[in-house]
PDB file of all heavy atoms in Angstrom:
ATOM      1  N   SER A   1      78.994 169.707 123.727  1.00  0.00           N
ATOM      2  CA  SER A   1      78.374 170.813 124.304  1.00  0.00           C
ATOM      3  C   SER A   1      78.352 172.041 123.435  1.00  0.00           C
ATOM      4  O   SER A   1      79.106 172.070 122.408  1.00  0.00           O
ATOM      5  CB  SER A   1      78.966 171.308 125.726  1.00  0.00           C
ATOM      6  OG  SER A   1      80.428 171.502 125.508  1.00  0.00           O
ATOM      7  N   ARG A   2      77.670 173.157 123.756  1.00  0.00           N
ATOM      8  CA  ARG A   2      77.722 174.247 122.817  1.00  0.00           C
ATOM      9  C   ARG A   2      77.672 175.601 123.651  1.00  0.00           C
ATOM     10  O   ARG A   2      77.003 175.559 124.763  1.00  0.00           O
ATOM     11  CB  ARG A   2      76.514 174.239 121.770  1.00  0.00           C
ATOM     12  CG  ARG A   2      75.174 174.252 122.392  1.00  0.00           C
ATOM     13  CD  ARG A   2      74.092 173.776 121.367  1.00  0.00           C
ATOM     14  NE  ARG A   2      73.877 175.054 120.336  1.00  0.00           N
ATOM     15  CZ  ARG A   2      73.298 174.927 119.220  1.00  0.00           C
ATOM     16  NH1 ARG A   2      72.801 173.605 118.833  1.00  0.00           N
ATOM     17  NH2 ARG A   2      73.167 175.879 118.458  1.00  0.00           N
ATOM     18  N   ASP A   3      78.155 176.579 123.095  1.00  0.00           N
ATOM     19  CA  ASP A   3      78.097 177.947 123.653  1.00  0.00           C
ATOM     20  C   ASP A   3      77.549 178.846 122.550  1.00  0.00           C
ATOM     21  O   ASP A   3      78.336 179.260 121.643  1.00  0.00           O
ATOM     22  CB  ASP A   3      79.547 178.392 124.007  1.00  0.00           C
ATOM     23  CG  ASP A   3      79.508 179.763 124.778  1.00  0.00           C
ATOM     24  OD1 ASP A   3      78.606 180.604 124.526  1.00  0.00           O
ATOM     25  OD2 ASP A   3      80.356 180.074 125.604  1.00  0.00           O
ATOM     26  N   ASN A   4      76.303 179.181 122.611  1.00  0.00           N
ATOM     27  CA  ASN A   4      75.657 179.874 121.548  1.00  0.00           C
ATOM     28  C   ASN A   4      76.158 181.358 121.525  1.00  0.00           C
ATOM     29  O   ASN A   4      76.275 181.948 120.334  1.00  0.00           O
ATOM     30  CB  ASN A   4      74.165 179.891 121.812  1.00  0.00           C
ATOM     31  CG  ASN A   4      73.487 178.583 121.633  1.00  0.00           C
ATOM     32  OD1 ASN A   4      73.995 177.724 120.784  1.00  0.00           O
ATOM     33  ND2 ASN A   4      72.485 178.304 122.379  1.00  0.00           N
ATOM     34  N   ALA A   5      76.636 181.957 122.570  1.00  0.00           N
ATOM     35  CA  ALA A   5      77.207 183.293 122.497  1.00  0.00           C
ATOM     36  C   ALA A   5      78.373 183.283 121.811  1.00  0.00           C
ATOM     37  O   ALA A   5      78.711 184.370 121.183  1.00  0.00           O
ATOM     38  CB  ALA A   5      77.375 183.828 123.986  1.00  0.00           C
ATOM     39  N   LYS A   6      79.176 182.235 121.793  1.00  0.00           N
ATOM     40  CA  LYS A   6      80.349 182.201 120.987  1.00  0.00           C
ATOM     41  C   LYS A   6      80.340 181.448 119.759  1.00  0.00           C
ATOM     42  O   LYS A   6      81.304 181.245 118.962  1.00  0.00           O
ATOM     43  CB  LYS A   6      81.580 181.515 121.901  1.00  0.00           C
ATOM     44  CG  LYS A   6      81.867 182.231 123.181  1.00  0.00           C
ATOM     45  CD  LYS A   6      82.895 181.512 123.956  1.00  0.00           C
ATOM     46  CE  LYS A   6      83.282 182.392 125.165  1.00  0.00           C
ATOM     47  NZ  LYS A   6      84.225 181.627 125.946  1.00  0.00           N
ATOM     48  N   ASN A   7      79.228 180.931 119.332  1.00  0.00           N
ATOM     49  CA  ASN A   7      78.899 180.197 118.082  1.00  0.00           C
ATOM     50  C   ASN A   7      79.829 179.029 117.961  1.00  0.00           C
ATOM     51  O   ASN A   7      80.440 178.713 117.022  1.00  0.00           O
ATOM     52  CB  ASN A   7      79.099 181.069 116.874  1.00  0.00           C
ATOM     53  CG  ASN A   7      78.024 182.197 116.979  1.00  0.00           C
ATOM     54  OD1 ASN A   7      76.889 182.068 117.266  1.00  0.00           O
ATOM     55  ND2 ASN A   7      78.509 183.345 116.430  1.00  0.00           N
ATOM     56  N   THR A   8      80.002 178.361 119.126  1.00  0.00           N
ATOM     57  CA  THR A   8      81.030 177.316 119.326  1.00  0.00           C
ATOM     58  C   THR A   8      80.427 176.014 119.736  1.00  0.00           C
ATOM     59  O   THR A   8      79.562 175.966 120.628  1.00  0.00           O
ATOM     60  CB  THR A   8      82.159 177.761 120.219  1.00  0.00           C
ATOM     61  OG1 THR A   8      82.727 179.014 119.665  1.00  0.00           O
ATOM     62  CG2 THR A   8      83.281 176.678 120.351  1.00  0.00           C
ATOM     63  N   VAL A   9      80.894 174.876 119.150  1.00  0.00           N
ATOM     64  CA  VAL A   9      80.597 173.543 119.651  1.00  0.00           C
ATOM     65  C   VAL A   9      81.836 172.978 120.167  1.00  0.00           C
ATOM     66  O   VAL A   9      83.017 173.175 119.625  1.00  0.00           O
ATOM     67  CB  VAL A   9      79.952 172.669 118.623  1.00  0.00           C
ATOM     68  CG1 VAL A   9      80.822 172.523 117.385  1.00  0.00           C
ATOM     69  CG2 VAL A   9      79.571 171.396 119.109  1.00  0.00           C
ATOM     70  N   TYR A  10      81.793 172.136 121.184  1.00  0.00           N
ATOM     71  CA  TYR A  10      82.935 171.504 121.842  1.00  0.00           C
ATOM     72  C   TYR A  10      82.618 170.016 121.880  1.00  0.00           C
ATOM     73  O   TYR A  10      81.594 169.388 121.934  1.00  0.00           O
ATOM     74  CB  TYR A  10      83.206 171.957 123.238  1.00  0.00           C
ATOM     75  CG  TYR A  10      83.231 173.430 123.427  1.00  0.00           C
ATOM     76  CD1 TYR A  10      82.106 174.221 123.763  1.00  0.00           C
ATOM     77  CD2 TYR A  10      84.546 174.068 123.339  1.00  0.00           C
ATOM     78  CE1 TYR A  10      82.360 175.574 123.889  1.00  0.00           C
ATOM     79  CE2 TYR A  10      84.633 175.387 123.394  1.00  0.00           C
ATOM     80  CZ  TYR A  10      83.607 176.143 123.739  1.00  0.00           C
ATOM     81  OH  TYR A  10      83.689 177.516 123.877  1.00  0.00           O
ATOM     82  N   LEU A  11      83.849 169.219 121.895  1.00  0.00           N
ATOM     83  CA  LEU A  11      83.678 167.867 122.052  1.00  0.00           C
ATOM     84  C   LEU A  11      84.787 167.461 123.095  1.00  0.00           C
ATOM     85  O   LEU A  11      85.981 167.530 122.812  1.00  0.00           O
ATOM     86  CB  LEU A  11      83.944 167.029 120.814  1.00  0.00           C
ATOM     87  CG  LEU A  11      83.827 165.482 120.874  1.00  0.00           C
ATOM     88  CD1 LEU A  11      82.311 165.172 121.196  1.00  0.00           C
ATOM     89  CD2 LEU A  11      84.275 164.831 119.603  1.00  0.00           C
ATOM     90  N   GLN A  12      84.361 167.140 124.349  1.00  0.00           N
ATOM     91  CA  GLN A  12      85.206 166.646 125.299  1.00  0.00           C
ATOM     92  C   GLN A  12      85.321 165.112 125.164  1.00  0.00           C
ATOM     93  O   GLN A  12      84.372 164.445 125.278  1.00  0.00           O
ATOM     94  CB  GLN A  12      84.751 167.032 126.682  1.00  0.00           C
ATOM     95  CG  GLN A  12      85.445 166.504 127.868  1.00  0.00           C
ATOM     96  CD  GLN A  12      86.942 167.137 127.983  1.00  0.00           C
ATOM     97  OE1 GLN A  12      86.970 168.348 127.844  1.00  0.00           O
ATOM     98  NE2 GLN A  12      87.903 166.418 128.275  1.00  0.00           N
ATOM     99  N   MET A  13      86.614 164.679 125.017  1.00  0.00           N
ATOM    100  CA  MET A  13      86.928 163.383 124.742  1.00  0.00           C
ATOM    101  C   MET A  13      87.719 162.767 125.936  1.00  0.00           C
ATOM    102  O   MET A  13      88.909 163.164 126.090  1.00  0.00           O
ATOM    103  CB  MET A  13      87.640 163.116 123.500  1.00  0.00           C
ATOM    104  CG  MET A  13      86.816 163.583 122.220  1.00  0.00           C
ATOM    105  SD  MET A  13      87.615 163.303 120.624  1.00  0.00           S
ATOM    106  CE  MET A  13      89.145 164.283 120.938  1.00  0.00           C
ATOM    107  N   ASP A  14      87.217 161.839 126.630  1.00  0.00           N
ATOM    108  CA  ASP A  14      87.821 161.189 127.759  1.00  0.00           C
ATOM    109  C   ASP A  14      87.963 159.753 127.622  1.00  0.00           C
ATOM    110  O   ASP A  14      87.389 159.052 126.720  1.00  0.00           O
ATOM    111  CB  ASP A  14      87.024 161.449 129.110  1.00  0.00           C
ATOM    112  CG  ASP A  14      86.841 162.877 129.540  1.00  0.00           C
ATOM    113  OD1 ASP A  14      87.888 163.707 129.447  1.00  0.00           O
ATOM    114  OD2 ASP A  14      85.715 163.285 129.901  1.00  0.00           O
ATOM    115  N   SER A  15      88.960 159.104 128.336  1.00  0.00           N
ATOM    116  CA  SER A  15      89.137 157.723 128.222  1.00  0.00           C
ATOM    117  C   SER A  15      89.409 157.299 126.784  1.00  0.00           C
ATOM    118  O   SER A  15      88.845 156.308 126.169  1.00  0.00           O
ATOM    119  CB  SER A  15      88.051 156.892 128.832  1.00  0.00           C
ATOM    120  OG  SER A  15      87.793 157.211 130.103  1.00  0.00           O
ATOM    121  N   LEU A  16      90.339 157.990 126.099  1.00  0.00           N
ATOM    122  CA  LEU A  16      90.461 157.818 124.679  1.00  0.00           C
ATOM    123  C   LEU A  16      91.145 156.384 124.457  1.00  0.00           C
ATOM    124  O   LEU A  16      91.892 156.011 125.146  1.00  0.00           O
ATOM    125  CB  LEU A  16      91.332 158.850 124.059  1.00  0.00           C
ATOM    126  CG  LEU A  16      90.554 160.214 123.885  1.00  0.00           C
ATOM    127  CD1 LEU A  16      91.562 161.471 123.704  1.00  0.00           C
ATOM    128  CD2 LEU A  16      89.705 160.109 122.616  1.00  0.00           C
ATOM    129  N   LYS A  17      90.581 155.873 123.293  1.00  0.00           N
ATOM    130  CA  LYS A  17      91.083 154.487 122.822  1.00  0.00           C
ATOM    131  C   LYS A  17      91.872 154.659 121.509  1.00  0.00           C
ATOM    132  O   LYS A  17      91.687 155.666 120.836  1.00  0.00           O
ATOM    133  CB  LYS A  17      89.889 153.533 122.679  1.00  0.00           C
ATOM    134  CG  LYS A  17      89.141 153.453 123.949  1.00  0.00           C
ATOM    135  CD  LYS A  17      87.888 152.484 123.662  1.00  0.00           C
ATOM    136  CE  LYS A  17      87.065 152.333 124.914  1.00  0.00           C
ATOM    137  NZ  LYS A  17      85.882 151.469 124.596  1.00  0.00           N
ATOM    138  N   ARG A  18      92.691 153.673 121.226  1.00  0.00           N
ATOM    139  CA  ARG A  18      93.299 153.716 119.874  1.00  0.00           C
ATOM    140  C   ARG A  18      92.343 153.757 118.790  1.00  0.00           C
ATOM    141  O   ARG A  18      92.667 154.298 117.739  1.00  0.00           O
ATOM    142  CB  ARG A  18      94.141 152.548 119.664  1.00  0.00           C
ATOM    143  CG  ARG A  18      95.458 152.464 120.729  1.00  0.00           C
ATOM    144  CD  ARG A  18      96.214 151.259 120.462  1.00  0.00           C
ATOM    145  NE  ARG A  18      97.611 151.429 121.250  1.00  0.00           N
ATOM    146  CZ  ARG A  18      97.688 151.038 122.487  1.00  0.00           C
ATOM    147  NH1 ARG A  18      96.608 150.603 123.152  1.00  0.00           N
ATOM    148  NH2 ARG A  18      98.753 151.190 123.137  1.00  0.00           N
ATOM    149  N   GLY A  19      91.129 153.144 118.884  1.00  0.00           N
ATOM    150  CA  GLY A  19      90.069 153.131 117.857  1.00  0.00           C
ATOM    151  C   GLY A  19      89.507 154.517 117.612  1.00  0.00           C
ATOM    152  O   GLY A  19      88.736 154.725 116.666  1.00  0.00           O
ATOM    153  N   ASP A  20      89.777 155.508 118.509  1.00  0.00           N
ATOM    154  CA  ASP A  20      89.292 156.810 118.298  1.00  0.00           C
ATOM    155  C   ASP A  20      90.152 157.682 117.420  1.00  0.00           C
ATOM    156  O   ASP A  20      89.853 158.707 117.058  1.00  0.00           O
ATOM    157  CB  ASP A  20      89.241 157.585 119.693  1.00  0.00           C
ATOM    158  CG  ASP A  20      88.225 156.907 120.674  1.00  0.00           C
ATOM    159  OD1 ASP A  20      87.030 156.576 120.096  1.00  0.00           O
ATOM    160  OD2 ASP A  20      88.555 156.883 121.879  1.00  0.00           O
ATOM    161  N   THR A  21      91.267 157.100 117.027  1.00  0.00           N
ATOM    162  CA  THR A  21      92.239 157.769 116.047  1.00  0.00           C
ATOM    163  C   THR A  21      91.462 158.070 114.811  1.00  0.00           C
ATOM    164  O   THR A  21      90.915 157.140 114.066  1.00  0.00           O
ATOM    165  CB  THR A  21      93.423 156.930 115.757  1.00  0.00           C
ATOM    166  OG1 THR A  21      94.111 156.778 116.954  1.00  0.00           O
ATOM    167  CG2 THR A  21      94.353 157.587 114.740  1.00  0.00           C
ATOM    168  N   ALA A  22      91.388 159.363 114.318  1.00  0.00           N
ATOM    169  CA  ALA A  22      90.718 159.752 113.051  1.00  0.00           C
ATOM    170  C   ALA A  22      90.976 161.290 112.922  1.00  0.00           C
ATOM    171  O   ALA A  22      91.383 161.942 113.816  1.00  0.00           O
ATOM    172  CB  ALA A  22      89.231 159.421 113.260  1.00  0.00           C
ATOM    173  N   VAL A  23      90.473 161.719 111.836  1.00  0.00           N
ATOM    174  CA  VAL A  23      90.308 163.219 111.654  1.00  0.00           C
ATOM    175  C   VAL A  23      88.939 163.549 112.004  1.00  0.00           C
ATOM    176  O   VAL A  23      87.943 162.942 111.451  1.00  0.00           O
ATOM    177  CB  VAL A  23      90.564 163.505 110.060  1.00  0.00           C
ATOM    178  CG1 VAL A  23      90.364 164.999 109.850  1.00  0.00           C
ATOM    179  CG2 VAL A  23      92.009 163.191 109.754  1.00  0.00           C
ATOM    180  N   TYR A  24      88.805 164.483 112.868  1.00  0.00           N
ATOM    181  CA  TYR A  24      87.479 164.938 113.392  1.00  0.00           C
ATOM    182  C   TYR A  24      86.999 166.126 112.738  1.00  0.00           C
ATOM    183  O   TYR A  24      87.752 167.304 112.667  1.00  0.00           O
ATOM    184  CB  TYR A  24      87.676 165.061 114.953  1.00  0.00           C
ATOM    185  CG  TYR A  24      87.658 163.820 115.651  1.00  0.00           C
ATOM    186  CD1 TYR A  24      88.744 163.024 115.661  1.00  0.00           C
ATOM    187  CD2 TYR A  24      86.538 163.420 116.359  1.00  0.00           C
ATOM    188  CE1 TYR A  24      88.791 161.794 116.277  1.00  0.00           C
ATOM    189  CE2 TYR A  24      86.498 162.221 117.163  1.00  0.00           C
ATOM    190  CZ  TYR A  24      87.646 161.461 117.022  1.00  0.00           C
ATOM    191  OH  TYR A  24      87.720 160.205 117.787  1.00  0.00           O
ATOM    192  N   TYR A  25      85.765 166.148 112.194  1.00  0.00           N
ATOM    193  CA  TYR A  25      85.259 167.297 111.513  1.00  0.00           C
ATOM    194  C   TYR A  25      84.010 167.775 112.317  1.00  0.00           C
ATOM    195  O   TYR A  25      83.204 167.032 112.783  1.00  0.00           O
ATOM    196  CB  TYR A  25      84.797 166.946 110.142  1.00  0.00           C
ATOM    197  CG  TYR A  25      85.866 166.502 109.217  1.00  0.00           C
ATOM    198  CD1 TYR A  25      86.248 165.137 109.113  1.00  0.00           C
ATOM    199  CD2 TYR A  25      86.586 167.308 108.455  1.00  0.00           C
ATOM    200  CE1 TYR A  25      87.217 164.642 108.393  1.00  0.00           C
ATOM    201  CE2 TYR A  25      87.583 166.894 107.598  1.00  0.00           C
ATOM    202  CZ  TYR A  25      87.938 165.549 107.512  1.00  0.00           C
ATOM    203  OH  TYR A  25      88.906 165.058 106.751  1.00  0.00           O
ATOM    204  N   CYS A  26      83.851 169.144 112.505  1.00  0.00           N
ATOM    205  CA  CYS A  26      82.692 169.670 113.046  1.00  0.00           C
ATOM    206  C   CYS A  26      81.661 170.017 111.952  1.00  0.00           C
ATOM    207  O   CYS A  26      82.162 170.415 110.848  1.00  0.00           O
ATOM    208  CB  CYS A  26      83.012 170.920 113.992  1.00  0.00           C
ATOM    209  SG  CYS A  26      83.823 172.319 113.220  1.00  0.00           S
ATOM    210  N   ASN A  27      80.472 170.193 112.267  1.00  0.00           N
ATOM    211  CA  ASN A  27      79.471 170.595 111.319  1.00  0.00           C
ATOM    212  C   ASN A  27      78.415 171.423 112.128  1.00  0.00           C
ATOM    213  O   ASN A  27      78.083 170.993 113.127  1.00  0.00           O
ATOM    214  CB  ASN A  27      78.791 169.283 110.709  1.00  0.00           C
ATOM    215  CG  ASN A  27      77.560 169.634 109.716  1.00  0.00           C
ATOM    216  OD1 ASN A  27      76.487 169.894 110.218  1.00  0.00           O
ATOM    217  ND2 ASN A  27      78.011 169.687 108.431  1.00  0.00           N
ATOM    218  N   GLU A  28      78.095 172.523 111.453  1.00  0.00           N
ATOM    219  CA  GLU A  28      77.083 173.446 112.119  1.00  0.00           C
ATOM    220  C   GLU A  28      76.099 173.845 111.060  1.00  0.00           C
ATOM    221  O   GLU A  28      76.523 174.202 109.874  1.00  0.00           O
ATOM    222  CB  GLU A  28      77.805 174.611 112.668  1.00  0.00           C
ATOM    223  CG  GLU A  28      78.791 174.295 113.761  1.00  0.00           C
ATOM    224  CD  GLU A  28      79.256 175.505 114.523  1.00  0.00           C
ATOM    225  OE1 GLU A  28      78.744 176.649 114.397  1.00  0.00           O
ATOM    226  OE2 GLU A  28      80.139 175.269 115.295  1.00  0.00           O
ATOM    227  N   GLU A  29      74.832 173.808 111.380  1.00  0.00           N
ATOM    228  CA  GLU A  29      73.830 174.318 110.541  1.00  0.00           C
ATOM    229  C   GLU A  29      73.626 175.792 110.870  1.00  0.00           C
ATOM    230  O   GLU A  29      73.046 176.195 111.950  1.00  0.00           O
ATOM    231  CB  GLU A  29      72.520 173.562 110.855  1.00  0.00           C
ATOM    232  CG  GLU A  29      72.676 172.044 110.365  1.00  0.00           C
ATOM    233  CD  GLU A  29      71.453 171.307 110.666  1.00  0.00           C
ATOM    234  OE1 GLU A  29      70.629 171.741 111.583  1.00  0.00           O
ATOM    235  OE2 GLU A  29      71.274 170.115 110.142  1.00  0.00           O
ATOM    236  N   VAL A  30      74.071 176.685 110.064  1.00  0.00           N
ATOM    237  CA  VAL A  30      74.170 178.079 110.352  1.00  0.00           C
ATOM    238  C   VAL A  30      73.202 178.915 109.552  1.00  0.00           C
ATOM    239  O   VAL A  30      73.107 178.715 108.219  1.00  0.00           O
ATOM    240  CB  VAL A  30      75.591 178.564 110.042  1.00  0.00           C
ATOM    241  CG1 VAL A  30      75.730 180.151 110.566  1.00  0.00           C
ATOM    242  CG2 VAL A  30      76.627 177.826 110.871  1.00  0.00           C
ATOM    243  N   ASP A  31      72.515 179.810 110.075  1.00  0.00           N
ATOM    244  CA  ASP A  31      71.642 180.738 109.450  1.00  0.00           C
ATOM    245  C   ASP A  31      72.364 182.147 109.443  1.00  0.00           C
ATOM    246  O   ASP A  31      72.508 182.698 110.552  1.00  0.00           O
ATOM    247  CB  ASP A  31      70.241 180.743 110.021  1.00  0.00           C
ATOM    248  CG  ASP A  31      69.207 181.740 109.269  1.00  0.00           C
ATOM    249  OD1 ASP A  31      69.707 182.511 108.480  1.00  0.00           O
ATOM    250  OD2 ASP A  31      68.007 181.564 109.528  1.00  0.00           O
ATOM    251  N   TYR A  32      72.789 182.641 108.395  1.00  0.00           N
ATOM    252  CA  TYR A  32      73.422 183.931 108.357  1.00  0.00           C
ATOM    253  C   TYR A  32      72.488 185.182 108.164  1.00  0.00           C
ATOM    254  O   TYR A  32      72.924 186.149 107.861  1.00  0.00           O
ATOM    255  CB  TYR A  32      74.538 183.960 107.272  1.00  0.00           C
ATOM    256  CG  TYR A  32      75.727 183.144 107.651  1.00  0.00           C
ATOM    257  CD1 TYR A  32      75.791 181.803 107.248  1.00  0.00           C
ATOM    258  CD2 TYR A  32      76.888 183.730 108.390  1.00  0.00           C
ATOM    259  CE1 TYR A  32      76.997 181.084 107.685  1.00  0.00           C
ATOM    260  CE2 TYR A  32      77.953 182.944 108.750  1.00  0.00           C
ATOM    261  CZ  TYR A  32      78.003 181.716 108.368  1.00  0.00           C
ATOM    262  OH  TYR A  32      79.103 180.885 108.684  1.00  0.00           O
ATOM    263  N   GLY A  33      71.211 184.835 108.175  1.00  0.00           N
ATOM    264  CA  GLY A  33      70.215 185.872 107.980  1.00  0.00           C
ATOM    265  C   GLY A  33      70.032 186.356 106.540  1.00  0.00           C
ATOM    266  O   GLY A  33      69.692 187.481 106.369  1.00  0.00           O
ATOM    267  N   LEU A  34      70.376 185.466 105.720  1.00  0.00           N
ATOM    268  CA  LEU A  34      70.297 185.864 104.183  1.00  0.00           C
ATOM    269  C   LEU A  34      68.957 185.429 103.640  1.00  0.00           C
ATOM    270  O   LEU A  34      68.772 185.710 102.412  1.00  0.00           O
ATOM    271  CB  LEU A  34      71.480 185.083 103.466  1.00  0.00           C
ATOM    272  CG  LEU A  34      72.903 185.386 103.999  1.00  0.00           C
ATOM    273  CD1 LEU A  34      73.957 184.579 103.249  1.00  0.00           C
ATOM    274  CD2 LEU A  34      73.181 186.931 103.755  1.00  0.00           C
ATOM    275  N   GLY A  35      68.074 184.846 104.379  1.00  0.00           N
ATOM    276  CA  GLY A  35      66.850 184.571 103.813  1.00  0.00           C
ATOM    277  C   GLY A  35      66.742 183.172 103.189  1.00  0.00           C
ATOM    278  O   GLY A  35      65.717 182.822 102.545  1.00  0.00           O
ATOM    279  N   VAL A  36      67.869 182.386 103.230  1.00  0.00           N
ATOM    280  CA  VAL A  36      67.886 181.084 102.657  1.00  0.00           C
ATOM    281  C   VAL A  36      67.892 180.013 103.622  1.00  0.00           C
ATOM    282  O   VAL A  36      68.022 178.802 103.281  1.00  0.00           O
ATOM    283  CB  VAL A  36      69.155 180.958 101.753  1.00  0.00           C
ATOM    284  CG1 VAL A  36      69.152 182.078 100.670  1.00  0.00           C
ATOM    285  CG2 VAL A  36      70.409 181.244 102.667  1.00  0.00           C
ATOM    286  N   GLY A  37      67.714 180.315 104.826  1.00  0.00           N
ATOM    287  CA  GLY A  37      67.562 179.244 105.863  1.00  0.00           C
ATOM    288  C   GLY A  37      69.097 178.842 106.353  1.00  0.00           C
ATOM    289  O   GLY A  37      69.999 179.564 106.247  1.00  0.00           O
ATOM    290  N   TYR A  38      69.087 177.572 106.989  1.00  0.00           N
ATOM    291  CA  TYR A  38      70.389 177.151 107.429  1.00  0.00           C
ATOM    292  C   TYR A  38      71.229 176.537 106.345  1.00  0.00           C
ATOM    293  O   TYR A  38      70.724 175.964 105.365  1.00  0.00           O
ATOM    294  CB  TYR A  38      70.150 175.998 108.354  1.00  0.00           C
ATOM    295  CG  TYR A  38      69.382 176.515 109.701  1.00  0.00           C
ATOM    296  CD1 TYR A  38      68.085 176.109 109.919  1.00  0.00           C
ATOM    297  CD2 TYR A  38      70.043 177.167 110.569  1.00  0.00           C
ATOM    298  CE1 TYR A  38      67.522 176.519 111.151  1.00  0.00           C
ATOM    299  CE2 TYR A  38      69.498 177.680 111.782  1.00  0.00           C
ATOM    300  CZ  TYR A  38      68.082 177.294 112.090  1.00  0.00           C
ATOM    301  OH  TYR A  38      67.484 177.754 113.177  1.00  0.00           O
ATOM    302  N   LEU A  39      72.491 176.901 106.426  1.00  0.00           N
ATOM    303  CA  LEU A  39      73.538 176.394 105.617  1.00  0.00           C
ATOM    304  C   LEU A  39      74.352 175.411 106.332  1.00  0.00           C
ATOM    305  O   LEU A  39      74.775 175.713 107.501  1.00  0.00           O
ATOM    306  CB  LEU A  39      74.370 177.533 104.972  1.00  0.00           C
ATOM    307  CG  LEU A  39      73.666 178.526 104.190  1.00  0.00           C
ATOM    308  CD1 LEU A  39      74.752 179.702 103.862  1.00  0.00           C
ATOM    309  CD2 LEU A  39      73.073 178.001 102.944  1.00  0.00           C
ATOM    310  N   GLU A  40      74.655 174.161 105.855  1.00  0.00           N
ATOM    311  CA  GLU A  40      75.429 173.280 106.340  1.00  0.00           C
ATOM    312  C   GLU A  40      77.007 173.602 106.170  1.00  0.00           C
ATOM    313  O   GLU A  40      77.415 173.553 105.103  1.00  0.00           O
ATOM    314  CB  GLU A  40      75.167 171.864 105.932  1.00  0.00           C
ATOM    315  CG  GLU A  40      75.794 170.762 106.723  1.00  0.00           C
ATOM    316  CD  GLU A  40      75.361 169.390 106.215  1.00  0.00           C
ATOM    317  OE1 GLU A  40      74.429 168.805 106.767  1.00  0.00           O
ATOM    318  OE2 GLU A  40      75.935 168.913 105.234  1.00  0.00           O
ATOM    319  N   VAL A  41      77.652 173.834 107.248  1.00  0.00           N
ATOM    320  CA  VAL A  41      79.022 174.286 107.128  1.00  0.00           C
ATOM    321  C   VAL A  41      79.987 173.298 107.856  1.00  0.00           C
ATOM    322  O   VAL A  41      79.665 172.873 108.941  1.00  0.00           O
ATOM    323  CB  VAL A  41      79.307 175.738 107.769  1.00  0.00           C
ATOM    324  CG1 VAL A  41      80.695 176.207 107.673  1.00  0.00           C
ATOM    325  CG2 VAL A  41      78.234 176.683 107.206  1.00  0.00           C
ATOM    326  N   TRP A  42      81.123 172.971 107.283  1.00  0.00           N
ATOM    327  CA  TRP A  42      82.000 172.017 107.799  1.00  0.00           C
ATOM    328  C   TRP A  42      83.299 172.653 108.110  1.00  0.00           C
ATOM    329  O   TRP A  42      83.817 173.685 107.526  1.00  0.00           O
ATOM    330  CB  TRP A  42      82.394 170.911 106.645  1.00  0.00           C
ATOM    331  CG  TRP A  42      81.287 170.018 106.456  1.00  0.00           C
ATOM    332  CD1 TRP A  42      80.226 170.123 105.495  1.00  0.00           C
ATOM    333  CD2 TRP A  42      81.067 168.799 107.138  1.00  0.00           C
ATOM    334  NE1 TRP A  42      79.342 169.036 105.468  1.00  0.00           N
ATOM    335  CE2 TRP A  42      79.874 168.252 106.515  1.00  0.00           C
ATOM    336  CE3 TRP A  42      81.671 168.041 108.059  1.00  0.00           C
ATOM    337  CZ2 TRP A  42      79.299 166.944 106.901  1.00  0.00           C
ATOM    338  CZ3 TRP A  42      81.233 166.849 108.494  1.00  0.00           C
ATOM    339  CH2 TRP A  42      79.983 166.313 107.950  1.00  0.00           C
ATOM    340  N   GLY A  43      83.963 172.176 109.245  1.00  0.00           N
ATOM    341  CA  GLY A  43      85.328 172.552 109.524  1.00  0.00           C
ATOM    342  C   GLY A  43      86.275 171.917 108.807  1.00  0.00           C
ATOM    343  O   GLY A  43      86.029 171.102 107.923  1.00  0.00           O
ATOM    344  N   GLN A  44      87.562 172.355 108.959  1.00  0.00           N
ATOM    345  CA  GLN A  44      88.609 171.852 108.181  1.00  0.00           C
ATOM    346  C   GLN A  44      89.179 170.463 108.570  1.00  0.00           C
ATOM    347  O   GLN A  44      89.948 169.865 107.751  1.00  0.00           O
ATOM    348  CB  GLN A  44      89.849 172.818 108.091  1.00  0.00           C
ATOM    349  CG  GLN A  44      90.723 172.805 109.233  1.00  0.00           C
ATOM    350  CD  GLN A  44      90.192 173.475 110.508  1.00  0.00           C
ATOM    351  OE1 GLN A  44      89.088 173.962 110.560  1.00  0.00           O
ATOM    352  NE2 GLN A  44      91.051 173.591 111.614  1.00  0.00           N
TER     353      GLN A  44
END
């Protein structure tokens, strides 16, 4: 889900399995109004 007012994306994970073990990274296509369009930005 996303909250555009907060510029935030969420991932609700239910019924987790051992196979879900991983490092999870978010990615957002962000336009900072610089005239270059969307920039692909990654979380840590």
